[in-house]
C-alpha atoms as a PDB file:
ATOM      1  CA  MET A   1     -21.280 -17.796 -38.550  1.00  0.00           C
ATOM      2  CA  ALA A   2     -19.570 -20.477 -35.832  1.00  0.00           C
ATOM      3  CA  PHE A   3     -17.164 -21.377 -33.691  1.00  0.00           C
ATOM      4  CA  SER A   4     -15.487 -24.623 -32.363  1.00  0.00           C
ATOM      5  CA  ALA A   5     -14.744 -24.751 -28.926  1.00  0.00           C
ATOM      6  CA  ARG A   6     -13.262 -27.835 -27.167  1.00  0.00           C
ATOM      7  CA  GLN A   7     -14.755 -29.236 -24.101  1.00  0.00           C
ATOM      8  CA  GLY A   8     -12.951 -31.815 -22.163  1.00  0.00           C
ATOM      9  CA  LYS A   9     -10.950 -34.463 -24.633  1.00  0.00           C
ATOM     10  CA  LYS A  10     -13.478 -35.564 -27.121  1.00  0.00           C
ATOM     11  CA  ARG A  11     -16.516 -33.605 -27.507  1.00  0.00           C
ATOM     12  CA  LEU A  12     -16.555 -30.825 -30.061  1.00  0.00           C
ATOM     13  CA  VAL A  13     -18.842 -28.174 -29.169  1.00  0.00           C
ATOM     14  CA  LYS A  14     -20.243 -25.964 -31.929  1.00  0.00           C
ATOM     15  CA  ILE A  15     -21.297 -22.288 -30.513  1.00  0.00           C
ATOM     16  CA  LYS A  16     -23.405 -20.411 -33.486  1.00  0.00           C
ATOM     17  CA  ILE A  17     -22.666 -16.725 -33.334  1.00  0.00           C
ATOM     18  CA  SER A  18     -24.967 -14.356 -35.624  1.00  0.00           C
ATOM     19  CA  LYS A  19     -23.043 -12.106 -38.266  1.00  0.00           C
ATOM     20  CA  THR A  20     -24.226  -8.836 -36.264  1.00  0.00           C
ATOM     21  CA  VAL A  21     -22.607  -9.975 -32.945  1.00  0.00           C
ATOM     22  CA  PHE A  22     -19.757 -11.201 -34.662  1.00  0.00           C
ATOM     23  CA  ASP A  23     -19.279  -7.670 -36.371  1.00  0.00           C
ATOM     24  CA  LYS A  24     -19.849  -6.007 -33.161  1.00  0.00           C
ATOM     25  CA  ILE A  25     -17.366  -8.122 -31.463  1.00  0.00           C
ATOM     26  CA  ARG A  26     -14.849  -7.283 -34.246  1.00  0.00           C
ATOM     27  CA  THR A  27     -15.396  -4.033 -34.455  1.00  0.00           C
ATOM     28  CA  VAL A  28     -14.990  -3.974 -30.318  1.00  0.00           C
ATOM     29  CA  PHE A  29     -11.527  -5.634 -30.898  1.00  0.00           C
ATOM     30  CA  VAL A  30     -10.374  -3.676 -33.526  1.00  0.00           C
ATOM     31  CA  CYS A  31     -11.015  -0.602 -31.579  1.00  0.00           C
ATOM     32  CA  ASN A  32      -9.093  -1.782 -28.819  1.00  0.00           C
ATOM     33  CA  MET A  33      -6.778  -2.263 -30.935  1.00  0.00           C
ATOM     34  CA  GLN A  34      -6.312   0.975 -32.114  1.00  0.00           C
ATOM     35  CA  LYS A  35      -6.409   2.120 -28.487  1.00  0.00           C
ATOM     36  CA  GLU A  36      -3.380   0.206 -27.591  1.00  0.00           C
ATOM     37  CA  ILE A  37      -1.274   1.131 -30.896  1.00  0.00           C
ATOM     38  CA  GLY A  38      -2.205   5.324 -29.848  1.00  0.00           C
ATOM     39  CA  TRP A  39      -1.535   4.771 -26.432  1.00  0.00           C
ATOM     40  CA  LEU A  40       1.838   3.072 -27.472  1.00  0.00           C
ATOM     41  CA  LEU A  41       2.710   6.122 -30.121  1.00  0.00           C
ATOM     42  CA  LYS A  42       2.499   8.309 -27.617  1.00  0.00           C
ATOM     43  CA  GLU A  43       3.705   6.797 -24.467  1.00  0.00           C
ATOM     44  CA  LYS A  44       7.029   5.321 -25.816  1.00  0.00           C
ATOM     45  CA  TYR A  45       7.015   7.178 -29.252  1.00  0.00           C
ATOM     46  CA  ASN A  46       6.076  10.836 -28.540  1.00  0.00           C
ATOM     47  CA  ASP A  47       3.941  10.562 -31.539  1.00  0.00           C
ATOM     48  CA  GLU A  48       7.007   9.910 -33.926  1.00  0.00           C
ATOM     49  CA  PRO A  49       7.034   6.511 -34.979  1.00  0.00           C
ATOM     50  CA  ASP A  50      10.156   4.627 -36.250  1.00  0.00           C
ATOM     51  CA  ASN A  51      10.879   0.818 -37.392  1.00  0.00           C
ATOM     52  CA  ASN A  52      10.587   0.129 -33.453  1.00  0.00           C
ATOM     53  CA  PHE A  53       7.507   0.953 -33.586  1.00  0.00           C
ATOM     54  CA  TYR A  54       5.819  -1.214 -35.895  1.00  0.00           C
ATOM     55  CA  ALA A  55       8.161  -4.260 -34.886  1.00  0.00           C
ATOM     56  CA  ASP A  56       6.042  -3.642 -31.552  1.00  0.00           C
ATOM     57  CA  ILE A  57       2.929  -3.745 -33.275  1.00  0.00           C
ATOM     58  CA  LYS A  58       3.471  -6.859 -33.542  1.00  0.00           C
ATOM     59  CA  ARG A  59       4.552  -7.547 -30.545  1.00  0.00           C
ATOM     60  CA  LEU A  60       0.974  -6.282 -29.581  1.00  0.00           C
ATOM     61  CA  LYS A  61      -0.647  -8.445 -32.088  1.00  0.00           C
ATOM     62  CA  MET A  62       1.241 -11.370 -30.970  1.00  0.00           C
ATOM     63  CA  GLY A  63      -0.720 -10.696 -27.666  1.00  0.00           C
ATOM     64  CA  GLU A  64       2.188  -9.618 -25.420  1.00  0.00           C
ATOM     65  CA  PRO A  65       0.985  -7.055 -22.768  1.00  0.00           C
ATOM     66  CA  LEU A  66       0.769  -3.528 -23.856  1.00  0.00           C
ATOM     67  CA  ASP A  67       2.886  -2.670 -20.356  1.00  0.00           C
ATOM     68  CA  TYR A  68       5.462  -4.699 -21.274  1.00  0.00           C
ATOM     69  CA  ILE A  69       5.811  -3.581 -25.070  1.00  0.00           C
ATOM     70  CA  ILE A  70       5.753  -0.034 -23.524  1.00  0.00           C
ATOM     71  CA  GLY A  71       7.586  -0.477 -20.217  1.00  0.00           C
ATOM     72  CA  PHE A  72       5.969   0.735 -17.416  1.00  0.00           C
ATOM     73  CA  THR A  73       2.538   1.304 -16.450  1.00  0.00           C
ATOM     74  CA  GLU A  74       1.327   4.100 -14.081  1.00  0.00           C
ATOM     75  CA  PHE A  75      -0.037   2.979 -10.288  1.00  0.00           C
ATOM     76  CA  LEU A  76      -1.355   5.401  -7.942  1.00  0.00           C
ATOM     77  CA  GLY A  77       0.687   7.835  -8.871  1.00  0.00           C
ATOM     78  CA  CYS A  78       3.813   6.223  -9.450  1.00  0.00           C
ATOM     79  CA  ARG A  79       5.421   5.134 -12.634  1.00  0.00           C
ATOM     80  CA  ILE A  80       6.352   1.482 -12.440  1.00  0.00           C
ATOM     81  CA  ASP A  81       9.172   0.145 -14.733  1.00  0.00           C
ATOM     82  CA  LEU A  82       8.437  -3.676 -15.939  1.00  0.00           C
ATOM     83  CA  SER A  83      11.800  -4.021 -17.400  1.00  0.00           C
ATOM     84  CA  ARG A  84      12.529  -7.206 -15.602  1.00  0.00           C
ATOM     85  CA  LYS A  85       8.799  -8.501 -16.648  1.00  0.00           C
ATOM     86  CA  PRO A  86       7.496  -8.724 -12.921  1.00  0.00           C
ATOM     87  CA  LEU A  87       3.747  -9.543 -13.122  1.00  0.00           C
ATOM     88  CA  VAL A  88       1.850  -6.205 -14.297  1.00  0.00           C
ATOM     89  CA  PRO A  89       0.185  -4.433 -11.703  1.00  0.00           C
ATOM     90  CA  ARG A  90      -3.682  -5.207 -11.602  1.00  0.00           C
ATOM     91  CA  PRO A  91      -6.339  -2.308 -11.998  1.00  0.00           C
ATOM     92  CA  GLU A  92      -7.396  -4.431  -8.502  1.00  0.00           C
ATOM     93  CA  THR A  93      -4.942  -3.976  -7.279  1.00  0.00           C
ATOM     94  CA  GLU A  94      -4.594  -0.401  -7.826  1.00  0.00           C
ATOM     95  CA  PHE A  95      -8.485   0.213  -6.278  1.00  0.00           C
ATOM     96  CA  TRP A  96      -8.257  -1.338  -3.119  1.00  0.00           C
ATOM     97  CA  LEU A  97      -4.615   0.172  -2.021  1.00  0.00           C
ATOM     98  CA  GLY A  98      -6.024   3.454  -3.193  1.00  0.00           C
ATOM     99  CA  ARG A  99      -9.160   3.146  -0.584  1.00  0.00           C
ATOM    100  CA  VAL A 100      -6.292   1.789   2.072  1.00  0.00           C
ATOM    101  CA  LEU A 101      -4.105   4.450   1.786  1.00  0.00           C
ATOM    102  CA  LYS A 102      -6.360   7.058   3.455  1.00  0.00           C
ATOM    103  CA  GLU A 103      -6.201   5.023   6.834  1.00  0.00           C
ATOM    104  CA  ILE A 104      -2.672   3.893   7.043  1.00  0.00           C
ATOM    105  CA  ASN A 105      -0.686   5.940   9.934  1.00  0.00           C
ATOM    106  CA  GLY A 106       1.665   4.151  11.440  1.00  0.00           C
ATOM    107  CA  GLU A 107       5.532   4.221  11.378  1.00  0.00           C
ATOM    108  CA  LYS A 108       6.618   0.777   9.623  1.00  0.00           C
ATOM    109  CA  VAL A 109       5.045  -1.340   7.008  1.00  0.00           C
ATOM    110  CA  LEU A 110       5.818  -4.515   5.274  1.00  0.00           C
ATOM    111  CA  ASP A 111       4.981  -5.154   1.682  1.00  0.00           C
ATOM    112  CA  ILE A 112       5.739  -9.324   0.971  1.00  0.00           C
ATOM    113  CA  PHE A 113       5.648 -10.925  -2.341  1.00  0.00           C
ATOM    114  CA  SER A 114       6.398  -7.689  -3.282  1.00  0.00           C
ATOM    115  CA  GLY A 115       6.863  -8.420  -7.301  1.00  0.00           C
ATOM    116  CA  SER A 116       7.262  -5.127  -8.904  1.00  0.00           C
ATOM    117  CA  GLY A 117       7.504  -3.061  -5.748  1.00  0.00           C
ATOM    118  CA  CYS A 118       3.955  -1.299  -6.562  1.00  0.00           C
ATOM    119  CA  ILE A 119       2.285  -1.464  -3.177  1.00  0.00           C
ATOM    120  CA  GLY A 120       5.480  -0.560  -1.323  1.00  0.00           C
ATOM    121  CA  ILE A 121       6.479   2.275  -3.594  1.00  0.00           C
ATOM    122  CA  ALA A 122       2.785   3.600  -3.859  1.00  0.00           C
ATOM    123  CA  ILE A 123       2.503   3.586   0.108  1.00  0.00           C
ATOM    124  CA  LEU A 124       6.030   5.288   0.651  1.00  0.00           C
ATOM    125  CA  LYS A 125       4.902   7.288  -2.002  1.00  0.00           C
ATOM    126  CA  ASN A 126       1.442   8.835  -0.862  1.00  0.00           C
ATOM    127  CA  THR A 127       1.873   8.532   2.742  1.00  0.00           C
ATOM    128  CA  LYS A 128       4.380   9.400   5.416  1.00  0.00           C
ATOM    129  CA  ILE A 129       5.259   5.643   6.481  1.00  0.00           C
ATOM    130  CA  ARG A 130       8.582   5.963   7.975  1.00  0.00           C
ATOM    131  CA  LEU A 131       9.921   2.786   6.732  1.00  0.00           C
ATOM    132  CA  CYS A 132       8.871  -0.009   4.234  1.00  0.00           C
ATOM    133  CA  ASP A 133      10.580  -3.434   3.824  1.00  0.00           C
ATOM    134  CA  LEU A 134       9.681  -5.023   0.503  1.00  0.00           C
ATOM    135  CA  VAL A 135       9.780  -8.687   0.176  1.00  0.00           C
ATOM    136  CA  ASP A 136       9.860 -10.808  -2.356  1.00  0.00           C
ATOM    137  CA  ARG A 137      11.582 -14.567  -3.049  1.00  0.00           C
ATOM    138  CA  GLU A 138      12.967 -14.146  -6.690  1.00  0.00           C
ATOM    139  CA  GLY A 139      15.910 -12.523  -7.841  1.00  0.00           C
ATOM    140  CA  GLY A 140      14.224 -10.578 -10.806  1.00  0.00           C
ATOM    141  CA  ALA A 141      11.950  -9.226  -8.418  1.00  0.00           C
ATOM    142  CA  ILE A 142      14.348  -7.873  -6.268  1.00  0.00           C
ATOM    143  CA  GLU A 143      15.986  -5.921  -9.116  1.00  0.00           C
ATOM    144  CA  GLN A 144      12.786  -4.503 -10.361  1.00  0.00           C
ATOM    145  CA  ILE A 145      11.956  -3.679  -6.976  1.00  0.00           C
ATOM    146  CA  LYS A 146      15.137  -1.507  -6.353  1.00  0.00           C
ATOM    147  CA  ILE A 147      15.003  -0.099 -10.207  1.00  0.00           C
ATOM    148  CA  ASN A 148      11.520   1.517  -9.120  1.00  0.00           C
ATOM    149  CA  CYS A 149      12.694   2.698  -5.871  1.00  0.00           C
ATOM    150  CA  GLU A 150      14.988   4.930  -7.589  1.00  0.00           C
ATOM    151  CA  ILE A 151      12.715   5.668 -10.721  1.00  0.00           C
ATOM    152  CA  ASN A 152      10.402   6.930  -7.733  1.00  0.00           C
ATOM    153  CA  LYS A 153      13.017   9.160  -5.855  1.00  0.00           C
ATOM    154  CA  ILE A 154      12.147   7.229  -2.744  1.00  0.00           C
ATOM    155  CA  ASP A 155      14.883   8.364  -0.295  1.00  0.00           C
ATOM    156  CA  SER A 156      16.872   5.365   0.774  1.00  0.00           C
ATOM    157  CA  LYS A 157      16.613   5.976   4.341  1.00  0.00           C
ATOM    158  CA  ARG A 158      12.923   5.049   3.879  1.00  0.00           C
ATOM    159  CA  TYR A 159      13.090   1.479   2.350  1.00  0.00           C
ATOM    160  CA  LYS A 160      14.338  -1.708   2.352  1.00  0.00           C
ATOM    161  CA  VAL A 161      14.941  -4.842  -0.250  1.00  0.00           C
ATOM    162  CA  ILE A 162      15.064  -8.391   1.180  1.00  0.00           C
ATOM    163  CA  GLN A 163      15.051 -11.779  -0.552  1.00  0.00           C
ATOM    164  CA  SER A 164      13.119 -13.785   1.233  1.00  0.00           C
ATOM    165  CA  ASP A 165      10.743 -16.865   1.011  1.00  0.00           C
ATOM    166  CA  VAL A 166       7.842 -15.422   2.753  1.00  0.00           C
ATOM    167  CA  PHE A 167       9.167 -14.686   6.413  1.00  0.00           C
ATOM    168  CA  GLU A 168      12.604 -16.816   5.953  1.00  0.00           C
ATOM    169  CA  SER A 169      14.494 -14.146   5.740  1.00  0.00           C
ATOM    170  CA  VAL A 170      12.103 -11.024   7.794  1.00  0.00           C
ATOM    171  CA  ARG A 171      12.785  -9.739  11.014  1.00  0.00           C
ATOM    172  CA  GLY A 172      10.858  -7.496  13.483  1.00  0.00           C
ATOM    173  CA  LYS A 173       6.892  -6.288  13.772  1.00  0.00           C
ATOM    174  CA  TYR A 174       5.135  -3.954  11.867  1.00  0.00           C
ATOM    175  CA  ASP A 175       2.238  -1.532  11.889  1.00  0.00           C
ATOM    176  CA  TYR A 176       0.903  -3.019   8.389  1.00  0.00           C
ATOM    177  CA  VAL A 177       1.832  -5.570   6.479  1.00  0.00           C
ATOM    178  CA  PHE A 178       0.921  -6.231   2.834  1.00  0.00           C
ATOM    179  CA  ALA A 179       0.556  -9.091   0.797  1.00  0.00           C
ATOM    180  CA  ASN A 180      -0.611  -9.770  -2.554  1.00  0.00           C
ATOM    181  CA  PRO A 181       0.543 -13.515  -2.777  1.00  0.00           C
ATOM    182  CA  PRO A 182       0.291 -16.082  -5.936  1.00  0.00           C
ATOM    183  CA  TYR A 183      -3.242 -17.439  -5.418  1.00  0.00           C
ATOM    184  CA  ILE A 184      -5.017 -18.965  -8.643  1.00  0.00           C
ATOM    185  CA  ALA A 185      -5.582 -22.844  -8.720  1.00  0.00           C
ATOM    186  CA  LYS A 186      -3.711 -24.729 -11.244  1.00  0.00           C
ATOM    187  CA  SER A 187      -7.235 -26.029 -11.809  1.00  0.00           C
ATOM    188  CA  ARG A 188      -8.306 -22.408 -13.109  1.00  0.00           C
ATOM    189  CA  THR A 189      -6.056 -22.356 -16.077  1.00  0.00           C
ATOM    190  CA  GLY A 190      -7.942 -22.512 -18.495  1.00  0.00           C
ATOM    191  CA  LYS A 191      -9.776 -19.294 -17.608  1.00  0.00           C
ATOM    192  CA  ILE A 192      -6.963 -17.257 -17.574  1.00  0.00           C
ATOM    193  CA  GLN A 193      -6.185 -14.994 -20.612  1.00  0.00           C
ATOM    194  CA  LYS A 194      -3.524 -16.415 -22.734  1.00  0.00           C
ATOM    195  CA  SER A 195      -1.657 -13.785 -23.421  1.00  0.00           C
ATOM    196  CA  VAL A 196      -1.004 -13.738 -19.541  1.00  0.00           C
ATOM    197  CA  LEU A 197       0.356 -16.943 -19.861  1.00  0.00           C
ATOM    198  CA  ARG A 198       2.061 -16.659 -22.361  1.00  0.00           C
ATOM    199  CA  PHE A 199       3.998 -13.326 -20.991  1.00  0.00           C
ATOM    200  CA  GLU A 200       3.540 -12.936 -17.280  1.00  0.00           C
ATOM    201  CA  PRO A 201       5.603 -15.101 -14.522  1.00  0.00           C
ATOM    202  CA  LYS A 202       3.552 -18.015 -13.960  1.00  0.00           C
ATOM    203  CA  LYS A 203       4.999 -18.183 -10.197  1.00  0.00           C
ATOM    204  CA  ALA A 204       3.512 -14.761  -9.816  1.00  0.00           C
ATOM    205  CA  LEU A 205       0.358 -16.212 -10.373  1.00  0.00           C
ATOM    206  CA  PHE A 206      -0.216 -19.762  -9.765  1.00  0.00           C
ATOM    207  CA  CYS A 207      -0.257 -21.509  -6.740  1.00  0.00           C
ATOM    208  CA  GLY A 208      -0.395 -25.178  -6.344  1.00  0.00           C
ATOM    209  CA  LYS A 209      -3.927 -27.103  -6.956  1.00  0.00           C
ATOM    210  CA  ASP A 210      -6.305 -24.928  -4.761  1.00  0.00           C
ATOM    211  CA  GLY A 211      -3.940 -21.497  -5.273  1.00  0.00           C
ATOM    212  CA  LEU A 212      -3.781 -21.375  -1.205  1.00  0.00           C
ATOM    213  CA  PHE A 213      -0.084 -22.503  -0.819  1.00  0.00           C
ATOM    214  CA  TYR A 214       1.540 -19.468   0.017  1.00  0.00           C
ATOM    215  CA  ILE A 215      -1.583 -18.085   1.797  1.00  0.00           C
ATOM    216  CA  LYS A 216      -1.696 -20.532   4.179  1.00  0.00           C
ATOM    217  CA  LYS A 217       2.329 -19.913   5.131  1.00  0.00           C
ATOM    218  CA  PHE A 218       1.639 -16.338   5.492  1.00  0.00           C
ATOM    219  CA  LEU A 219      -1.530 -16.268   7.226  1.00  0.00           C
ATOM    220  CA  ARG A 220       0.356 -18.944   9.691  1.00  0.00           C
ATOM    221  CA  ASP A 221       3.230 -16.349  10.395  1.00  0.00           C
ATOM    222  CA  ALA A 222       2.054 -13.526   9.426  1.00  0.00           C
ATOM    223  CA  LYS A 223       0.626 -12.436  12.943  1.00  0.00           C
ATOM    224  CA  LYS A 224       4.488 -12.769  14.768  1.00  0.00           C
ATOM    225  CA  HIS A 225       5.247  -9.953  12.907  1.00  0.00           C
ATOM    226  CA  LEU A 226       2.525  -7.366  13.732  1.00  0.00           C
ATOM    227  CA  ASN A 227       2.602  -4.960  16.552  1.00  0.00           C
ATOM    228  CA  ILE A 228       0.065  -4.675  18.786  1.00  0.00           C
ATOM    229  CA  GLY A 229      -3.060  -3.083  16.828  1.00  0.00           C
ATOM    230  CA  GLY A 230      -1.458  -4.072  13.544  1.00  0.00           C
ATOM    231  CA  LYS A 231      -3.139  -5.001  10.317  1.00  0.00           C
ATOM    232  CA  ILE A 232      -2.707  -7.155   7.167  1.00  0.00           C
ATOM    233  CA  TYR A 233      -4.060  -6.198   3.654  1.00  0.00           C
ATOM    234  CA  MET A 234      -4.311  -9.017   1.543  1.00  0.00           C
ATOM    235  CA  GLU A 235      -5.901  -9.770  -1.869  1.00  0.00           C
ATOM    236  CA  PHE A 236      -7.062 -13.312  -2.768  1.00  0.00           C
ATOM    237  CA  SER A 237      -8.999 -14.692  -5.736  1.00  0.00           C
ATOM    238  CA  PRO A 238     -13.055 -14.224  -5.245  1.00  0.00           C
ATOM    239  CA  GLU A 239     -13.805 -17.735  -4.417  1.00  0.00           C
ATOM    240  CA  GLN A 240     -10.988 -18.740  -2.068  1.00  0.00           C
ATOM    241  CA  LYS A 241     -12.731 -16.892   0.369  1.00  0.00           C
ATOM    242  CA  GLU A 242     -15.002 -19.181   2.704  1.00  0.00           C
ATOM    243  CA  GLN A 243     -11.701 -20.967   2.683  1.00  0.00           C
ATOM    244  CA  ILE A 244      -9.637 -17.906   3.374  1.00  0.00           C
ATOM    245  CA  GLU A 245     -12.173 -17.229   6.378  1.00  0.00           C
ATOM    246  CA  ALA A 246     -11.644 -20.595   7.642  1.00  0.00           C
ATOM    247  CA  LEU A 247      -7.797 -19.875   7.465  1.00  0.00           C
ATOM    248  CA  ILE A 248      -7.968 -16.479  10.007  1.00  0.00           C
ATOM    249  CA  LYS A 249     -10.075 -18.297  12.116  1.00  0.00           C
ATOM    250  CA  LYS A 250      -7.432 -21.329  12.558  1.00  0.00           C
ATOM    251  CA  TYR A 251      -4.584 -19.219  12.953  1.00  0.00           C
ATOM    252  CA  ASN A 252      -6.642 -17.079  15.972  1.00  0.00           C
ATOM    253  CA  TYR A 253      -6.964 -13.580  14.422  1.00  0.00           C
ATOM    254  CA  MET A 254      -8.894 -11.039  16.516  1.00  0.00           C
ATOM    255  CA  ALA A 255     -11.169  -9.749  13.873  1.00  0.00           C
ATOM    256  CA  TYR A 256     -11.494  -9.512   9.921  1.00  0.00           C
ATOM    257  CA  GLU A 257     -13.436  -7.808   7.004  1.00  0.00           C
ATOM    258  CA  PHE A 258     -13.463  -9.376   3.719  1.00  0.00           C
ATOM    259  CA  HIS A 259     -14.018  -6.304   0.474  1.00  0.00           C
ATOM    260  CA  ARG A 260     -15.083  -6.070  -2.829  1.00  0.00           C
ATOM    261  CA  ASP A 261     -13.123  -4.962  -5.876  1.00  0.00           C
ATOM    262  CA  GLN A 262     -14.678  -1.971  -8.393  1.00  0.00           C
ATOM    263  CA  TYR A 263     -16.367  -5.113 -10.064  1.00  0.00           C
ATOM    264  CA  GLY A 264     -18.183  -6.531  -7.144  1.00  0.00           C
ATOM    265  CA  ARG A 265     -16.092  -9.172  -6.738  1.00  0.00           C
ATOM    266  CA  TRP A 266     -14.582 -10.539  -3.026  1.00  0.00           C
ATOM    267  CA  ARG A 267     -10.981  -9.324  -3.228  1.00  0.00           C
ATOM    268  CA  TRP A 268      -8.818  -8.304  -0.383  1.00  0.00           C
ATOM    269  CA  VAL A 269      -9.259  -8.709   3.314  1.00  0.00           C
ATOM    270  CA  MET A 270      -8.459  -6.225   6.290  1.00  0.00           C
ATOM    271  CA  ILE A 271      -7.094  -8.866   9.576  1.00  0.00           C
ATOM    272  CA  LYS A 272      -6.251  -7.718  13.154  1.00  0.00           C
END
């Protein structure tokens, strides 16, 4: 059995796949779809399907992320509502943040490029951090963060939600700054899942030709908002490691450590 895939604008390449391999691929696809339908039925409908359930199955078959259809996702013990369609929290983010939570013990934290608020909320719910400012530039994200703080019963005295383009409206200094900026280069669009491109917010994903536009702005000014001994934790795309290391040196940070995610890919950096 053969599939066709376009390479460039003119050349058509045929990829031959044996019937056995194709059947295995189809079996995996069907099994995954069955699992997603089962999860949808359990989480959204309490195992009692109605007409909306079958409409949701159609949405699933069209490629819409399951988390959007269910309406929320779990993230480090927090329930993250997705009703405003923020970027869906990724397993890679949950992995590295889970490790960092064991280390932090300061007073004040900044979660910038906050999106759904999952990072800041997980910090507030799982640590004794006194105050967390959650920052995003998009109005929809600001609404989503407030919803999620309420859902997770975060004491309103422990957080502040700020609408700001990077540090534009941010005042003061922090013991920790957490950043998960848009970092996908537009040149890598072809490597992103079609469902992500179709349904998730592009402003939270893509950032210029090399994906470094906001990372550069962030690293240039972040040290101004760090207390003495403070730390930055930032997520990035694996192929950006060398460029980010050069930026860290350019902006004269004291020390840094790169770390891999659960799949063995460079994913986050701690900067002093």
